Amino acid sequence: MFNLEVTVKHRHFLCCAFSDSKYKTFYLFFVYAHENVKNVFWQEFTSYIKSLDLPYVIMGDLNEIKNASEKTGGQMPTMNRFFRLNNFINDTGLLSLPFYGSKFTWRKSKDGPNNIHEILDRALVNADWHKTYDKAIVHHLPFTTSDHCPIVLELNLDYRSVWCFSSFKYGTWNQCNRKV
């Protein structure tokens, strides 16, 4: 059995401390980087992440792409589009977890000329977290009614521990956790 305690409630992220007698305690962040406050969010979040002393995983809608291959349709993105997320990853030394399922996690339209797909939702981890949970994977579930597909983090422990992050609107959280 595990313990999950909410440690920080911020308008753009929820931080939980996950602990288990068999494994290291780590922080689990559910993030929504609202597109209207991106610069402020990335500055604040980078400072907060750098102050942590435990392993951590960040999941959610980061509203940014890392490179042009993470977008299809619409206008070709400029280098500025990649700047914030790549700087955050480099400044904090984060790693992307491997994923299975749909390549893209957000879509503007299902069909037609306005069809745009991007990888906006992801799971990032620091090296300490990855050493302990090196078998963890992320599943991109099928799209349902939202323009984002839910992403699920599977730790692959002795028991199956699954963390879900499904899209939510600004200030409204919709996450799930369960022991299966």
C-alpha atoms as a PDB file:
ATOM      1  CA  MET A   1       0.000   0.000   0.000  1.00  0.00           C
ATOM      2  CA  PHE A   2       1.135   3.556  -0.598  1.00  0.00           C
ATOM      3  CA  ASN A   3       0.482   7.010   0.787  1.00  0.00           C
ATOM      4  CA  LEU A   4      -0.305  10.058  -1.319  1.00  0.00           C
ATOM      5  CA  GLU A   5      -0.336  13.495   0.286  1.00  0.00           C
ATOM      6  CA  VAL A   6      -1.034  16.788  -1.470  1.00  0.00           C
ATOM      7  CA  THR A   7       1.841  19.113  -0.540  1.00  0.00           C
ATOM      8  CA  VAL A   8       1.275  22.115  -2.835  1.00  0.00           C
ATOM      9  CA  LYS A   9      -1.824  23.423  -4.581  1.00  0.00           C
ATOM     10  CA  HIS A  10      -0.888  26.023  -7.175  1.00  0.00           C
ATOM     11  CA  ARG A  11      -3.137  27.433  -9.866  1.00  0.00           C
ATOM     12  CA  HIS A  12      -1.035  25.641 -12.519  1.00  0.00           C
ATOM     13  CA  PHE A  13       0.078  22.487 -10.728  1.00  0.00           C
ATOM     14  CA  LEU A  14      -0.715  20.105  -7.942  1.00  0.00           C
ATOM     15  CA  CYS A  15       2.226  18.526  -6.108  1.00  0.00           C
ATOM     16  CA  CYS A  16       1.782  15.273  -4.208  1.00  0.00           C
ATOM     17  CA  ALA A  17       4.258  13.310  -2.111  1.00  0.00           C
ATOM     18  CA  PHE A  18       4.070   9.606  -2.963  1.00  0.00           C
ATOM     19  CA  SER A  19       5.518   7.257  -0.362  1.00  0.00           C
ATOM     20  CA  ASP A  20       5.728   3.525  -0.004  1.00  0.00           C
ATOM     21  CA  SER A  21       7.639   1.535   2.597  1.00  0.00           C
ATOM     22  CA  LYS A  22       9.361  -0.443  -0.164  1.00  0.00           C
ATOM     23  CA  TYR A  23      10.340   2.436  -2.479  1.00  0.00           C
ATOM     24  CA  LYS A  24      11.717   5.958  -2.224  1.00  0.00           C
ATOM     25  CA  THR A  25       9.382   8.829  -1.548  1.00  0.00           C
ATOM     26  CA  PHE A  26       8.953  11.062  -4.587  1.00  0.00           C
ATOM     27  CA  TYR A  27       7.006  14.102  -5.731  1.00  0.00           C
ATOM     28  CA  LEU A  28       4.294  13.691  -8.344  1.00  0.00           C
ATOM     29  CA  PHE A  29       3.258  16.865 -10.186  1.00  0.00           C
ATOM     30  CA  PHE A  30       0.056  17.229 -12.185  1.00  0.00           C
ATOM     31  CA  VAL A  31       0.611  20.293 -14.387  1.00  0.00           C
ATOM     32  CA  TYR A  32      -1.447  22.583 -16.572  1.00  0.00           C
ATOM     33  CA  ALA A  33       0.711  25.266 -18.217  1.00  0.00           C
ATOM     34  CA  HIS A  34      -2.015  27.655 -19.303  1.00  0.00           C
ATOM     35  CA  GLU A  35      -1.110  29.221 -22.636  1.00  0.00           C
ATOM     36  CA  ASN A  36      -1.835  32.785 -21.467  1.00  0.00           C
ATOM     37  CA  VAL A  37       0.782  32.762 -18.675  1.00  0.00           C
ATOM     38  CA  LYS A  38       3.556  30.664 -20.194  1.00  0.00           C
ATOM     39  CA  ASN A  39       6.557  32.874 -19.420  1.00  0.00           C
ATOM     40  CA  VAL A  40       5.560  33.452 -15.795  1.00  0.00           C
ATOM     41  CA  PHE A  41       4.683  29.791 -15.312  1.00  0.00           C
ATOM     42  CA  TRP A  42       7.991  28.467 -16.679  1.00  0.00           C
ATOM     43  CA  GLN A  43      10.046  30.865 -14.558  1.00  0.00           C
ATOM     44  CA  GLU A  44       8.151  30.047 -11.357  1.00  0.00           C
ATOM     45  CA  PHE A  45       8.013  26.311 -12.018  1.00  0.00           C
ATOM     46  CA  THR A  46      11.727  26.067 -12.896  1.00  0.00           C
ATOM     47  CA  SER A  47      12.655  27.798  -9.631  1.00  0.00           C
ATOM     48  CA  TYR A  48      10.364  25.520  -7.655  1.00  0.00           C
ATOM     49  CA  ILE A  49      11.634  22.328  -9.323  1.00  0.00           C
ATOM     50  CA  LYS A  50      15.280  23.307  -8.733  1.00  0.00           C
ATOM     51  CA  SER A  51      14.577  23.642  -4.994  1.00  0.00           C
ATOM     52  CA  LEU A  52      13.446  20.012  -4.594  1.00  0.00           C
ATOM     53  CA  ASP A  53      15.473  17.425  -2.693  1.00  0.00           C
ATOM     54  CA  LEU A  54      13.505  14.301  -3.676  1.00  0.00           C
ATOM     55  CA  PRO A  55      13.005  12.414  -6.938  1.00  0.00           C
ATOM     56  CA  TYR A  56      10.055  13.714  -8.952  1.00  0.00           C
ATOM     57  CA  VAL A  57       7.866  13.140 -11.976  1.00  0.00           C
ATOM     58  CA  ILE A  58       5.965  15.835 -13.842  1.00  0.00           C
ATOM     59  CA  MET A  59       2.835  14.884 -15.797  1.00  0.00           C
ATOM     60  CA  GLY A  60       0.357  16.965 -17.667  1.00  0.00           C
ATOM     61  CA  ASP A  61      -0.465  19.499 -20.307  1.00  0.00           C
ATOM     62  CA  LEU A  62       2.723  21.517 -20.732  1.00  0.00           C
ATOM     63  CA  ASN A  63       1.231  23.365 -23.716  1.00  0.00           C
ATOM     64  CA  GLU A  64       4.589  23.307 -25.520  1.00  0.00           C
ATOM     65  CA  ILE A  65       6.366  21.093 -28.040  1.00  0.00           C
ATOM     66  CA  LYS A  66      10.083  20.195 -28.091  1.00  0.00           C
ATOM     67  CA  ASN A  67      10.624  20.194 -31.861  1.00  0.00           C
ATOM     68  CA  ALA A  68       8.863  20.284 -35.233  1.00  0.00           C
ATOM     69  CA  SER A  69       8.305  16.501 -35.276  1.00  0.00           C
ATOM     70  CA  GLU A  70       5.882  16.933 -32.360  1.00  0.00           C
ATOM     71  CA  LYS A  71       3.389  18.781 -34.573  1.00  0.00           C
ATOM     72  CA  THR A  72       1.471  17.958 -37.709  1.00  0.00           C
ATOM     73  CA  GLY A  73      -0.831  20.308 -39.642  1.00  0.00           C
ATOM     74  CA  GLY A  74      -1.233  24.047 -39.373  1.00  0.00           C
ATOM     75  CA  GLN A  75       1.624  26.501 -39.689  1.00  0.00           C
ATOM     76  CA  MET A  76       5.173  25.278 -39.295  1.00  0.00           C
ATOM     77  CA  PRO A  77       6.374  26.175 -35.785  1.00  0.00           C
ATOM     78  CA  THR A  78       9.277  28.586 -35.321  1.00  0.00           C
ATOM     79  CA  MET A  79      12.305  27.934 -33.115  1.00  0.00           C
ATOM     80  CA  ASN A  80      10.773  30.226 -30.478  1.00  0.00           C
ATOM     81  CA  ARG A  81       7.969  27.690 -30.059  1.00  0.00           C
ATOM     82  CA  PHE A  82      10.479  25.141 -28.676  1.00  0.00           C
ATOM     83  CA  PHE A  83      12.430  27.525 -26.451  1.00  0.00           C
ATOM     84  CA  ARG A  84      10.509  27.389 -23.135  1.00  0.00           C
ATOM     85  CA  LEU A  85      10.094  23.614 -22.861  1.00  0.00           C
ATOM     86  CA  ASN A  86      13.615  22.785 -24.009  1.00  0.00           C
ATOM     87  CA  ASN A  87      15.120  25.349 -21.630  1.00  0.00           C
ATOM     88  CA  PHE A  88      13.056  23.918 -18.779  1.00  0.00           C
ATOM     89  CA  ILE A  89      14.196  20.369 -19.583  1.00  0.00           C
ATOM     90  CA  ASN A  90      17.850  21.427 -19.917  1.00  0.00           C
ATOM     91  CA  ASP A  91      17.859  23.675 -16.825  1.00  0.00           C
ATOM     92  CA  THR A  92      16.354  20.949 -14.631  1.00  0.00           C
ATOM     93  CA  GLY A  93      18.059  17.907 -16.217  1.00  0.00           C
ATOM     94  CA  LEU A  94      14.784  16.124 -16.933  1.00  0.00           C
ATOM     95  CA  LEU A  95      14.241  13.003 -19.029  1.00  0.00           C
ATOM     96  CA  SER A  96      11.200  12.112 -21.120  1.00  0.00           C
ATOM     97  CA  LEU A  97       9.662   8.749 -20.337  1.00  0.00           C
ATOM     98  CA  PRO A  98       8.926   6.391 -23.224  1.00  0.00           C
ATOM     99  CA  PHE A  99       5.289   6.273 -24.284  1.00  0.00           C
ATOM    100  CA  TYR A 100       2.933   3.888 -26.034  1.00  0.00           C
ATOM    101  CA  GLY A 101      -0.219   4.689 -27.930  1.00  0.00           C
ATOM    102  CA  SER A 102      -1.024   7.653 -30.112  1.00  0.00           C
ATOM    103  CA  LYS A 103       1.964   9.815 -31.012  1.00  0.00           C
ATOM    104  CA  PHE A 104      -0.003  13.016 -30.452  1.00  0.00           C
ATOM    105  CA  THR A 105      -1.833  14.016 -27.260  1.00  0.00           C
ATOM    106  CA  TRP A 106      -3.769  17.062 -28.507  1.00  0.00           C
ATOM    107  CA  ARG A 107      -5.838  17.726 -31.596  1.00  0.00           C
ATOM    108  CA  LYS A 108      -7.547  20.831 -32.917  1.00  0.00           C
ATOM    109  CA  SER A 109      -9.901  19.046 -35.273  1.00  0.00           C
ATOM    110  CA  LYS A 110     -10.551  15.415 -36.147  1.00  0.00           C
ATOM    111  CA  ASP A 111     -10.853  15.993 -39.890  1.00  0.00           C
ATOM    112  CA  GLY A 112     -10.462  18.601 -42.583  1.00  0.00           C
ATOM    113  CA  PRO A 113      -8.047  21.396 -43.374  1.00  0.00           C
ATOM    114  CA  ASN A 114      -7.872  22.629 -39.751  1.00  0.00           C
ATOM    115  CA  ASN A 115      -6.601  19.260 -38.517  1.00  0.00           C
ATOM    116  CA  ILE A 116      -3.655  19.930 -36.182  1.00  0.00           C
ATOM    117  CA  HIS A 117      -2.051  17.411 -33.817  1.00  0.00           C
ATOM    118  CA  GLU A 118       0.679  18.072 -31.220  1.00  0.00           C
ATOM    119  CA  ILE A 119       2.404  16.396 -28.287  1.00  0.00           C
ATOM    120  CA  LEU A 120       1.428  18.783 -25.481  1.00  0.00           C
ATOM    121  CA  ASP A 121       0.941  16.264 -22.673  1.00  0.00           C
ATOM    122  CA  ARG A 122       3.886  14.289 -21.355  1.00  0.00           C
ATOM    123  CA  ALA A 123       5.702  12.834 -18.350  1.00  0.00           C
ATOM    124  CA  LEU A 124       9.156  14.144 -17.426  1.00  0.00           C
ATOM    125  CA  VAL A 125      11.346  12.794 -14.620  1.00  0.00           C
ATOM    126  CA  ASN A 126      14.631  13.640 -12.943  1.00  0.00           C
ATOM    127  CA  ALA A 127      17.555  11.181 -12.938  1.00  0.00           C
ATOM    128  CA  ASP A 128      17.002  10.127  -9.290  1.00  0.00           C
ATOM    129  CA  TRP A 129      13.417   9.166 -10.029  1.00  0.00           C
ATOM    130  CA  HIS A 130      14.436   7.273 -13.179  1.00  0.00           C
ATOM    131  CA  LYS A 131      17.044   5.216 -11.282  1.00  0.00           C
ATOM    132  CA  THR A 132      14.371   3.899  -8.922  1.00  0.00           C
ATOM    133  CA  TYR A 133      11.553   3.510 -11.457  1.00  0.00           C
ATOM    134  CA  ASP A 134      13.501   2.592 -14.574  1.00  0.00           C
ATOM    135  CA  LYS A 135      10.697   0.356 -15.902  1.00  0.00           C
ATOM    136  CA  ALA A 136       8.068   3.105 -15.829  1.00  0.00           C
ATOM    137  CA  ILE A 137       6.177   3.839 -19.045  1.00  0.00           C
ATOM    138  CA  VAL A 138       3.525   6.266 -20.195  1.00  0.00           C
ATOM    139  CA  HIS A 139       0.402   5.279 -22.099  1.00  0.00           C
ATOM    140  CA  HIS A 140      -1.385   7.738 -24.376  1.00  0.00           C
ATOM    141  CA  LEU A 141      -4.980   6.546 -24.228  1.00  0.00           C
ATOM    142  CA  PRO A 142      -7.424   7.049 -27.114  1.00  0.00           C
ATOM    143  CA  PHE A 143      -9.086  10.447 -27.519  1.00  0.00           C
ATOM    144  CA  THR A 144     -12.598  10.632 -26.122  1.00  0.00           C
ATOM    145  CA  THR A 145     -14.625  13.831 -25.742  1.00  0.00           C
ATOM    146  CA  SER A 146     -11.673  16.115 -24.925  1.00  0.00           C
ATOM    147  CA  ASP A 147      -9.209  17.628 -27.378  1.00  0.00           C
ATOM    148  CA  HIS A 148      -6.472  16.014 -25.222  1.00  0.00           C
ATOM    149  CA  CYS A 149      -5.988  12.283 -24.783  1.00  0.00           C
ATOM    150  CA  PRO A 150      -5.489  11.033 -21.210  1.00  0.00           C
ATOM    151  CA  ILE A 151      -1.954   9.989 -20.317  1.00  0.00           C
ATOM    152  CA  VAL A 152      -1.270   7.225 -17.810  1.00  0.00           C
ATOM    153  CA  LEU A 153       1.959   6.613 -15.910  1.00  0.00           C
ATOM    154  CA  GLU A 154       2.610   2.973 -15.077  1.00  0.00           C
ATOM    155  CA  LEU A 155       5.394   2.437 -12.551  1.00  0.00           C
ATOM    156  CA  ASN A 156       5.684  -1.346 -13.085  1.00  0.00           C
ATOM    157  CA  LEU A 157       6.297  -2.188  -9.427  1.00  0.00           C
ATOM    158  CA  ASP A 158       5.600  -5.414  -7.549  1.00  0.00           C
ATOM    159  CA  TYR A 159       1.985  -4.353  -7.602  1.00  0.00           C
ATOM    160  CA  ARG A 160       0.533  -2.412 -10.461  1.00  0.00           C
ATOM    161  CA  SER A 161       0.383   1.283  -9.657  1.00  0.00           C
ATOM    162  CA  VAL A 162      -1.243   3.467 -12.262  1.00  0.00           C
ATOM    163  CA  TRP A 163      -1.475   7.271 -12.325  1.00  0.00           C
ATOM    164  CA  CYS A 164      -3.777   8.985 -14.763  1.00  0.00           C
ATOM    165  CA  PHE A 165      -3.790  12.532 -15.957  1.00  0.00           C
ATOM    166  CA  SER A 166      -6.650  13.609 -18.107  1.00  0.00           C
ATOM    167  CA  SER A 167      -7.106  17.019 -19.506  1.00  0.00           C
ATOM    168  CA  PHE A 168      -8.737  19.708 -17.457  1.00  0.00           C
ATOM    169  CA  LYS A 169      -9.600  23.346 -17.801  1.00  0.00           C
ATOM    170  CA  TYR A 170      -7.730  26.148 -16.081  1.00  0.00           C
ATOM    171  CA  GLY A 171      -8.036  25.740 -12.314  1.00  0.00           C
ATOM    172  CA  THR A 172     -10.049  22.509 -12.434  1.00  0.00           C
ATOM    173  CA  TRP A 173      -8.267  19.245 -11.603  1.00  0.00           C
ATOM    174  CA  ASN A 174      -9.276  15.842 -12.877  1.00  0.00           C
ATOM    175  CA  GLN A 175      -6.775  13.157 -11.908  1.00  0.00           C
ATOM    176  CA  CYS A 176      -7.045   9.634 -10.660  1.00  0.00           C
ATOM    177  CA  ASN A 177      -4.883   7.196  -8.790  1.00  0.00           C
ATOM    178  CA  ARG A 178      -5.501   3.651  -7.797  1.00  0.00           C
ATOM    179  CA  LYS A 179      -3.860   0.465  -6.722  1.00  0.00           C
ATOM    180  CA  VAL A 180      -4.820  -2.318  -9.123  1.00  0.00           C
END
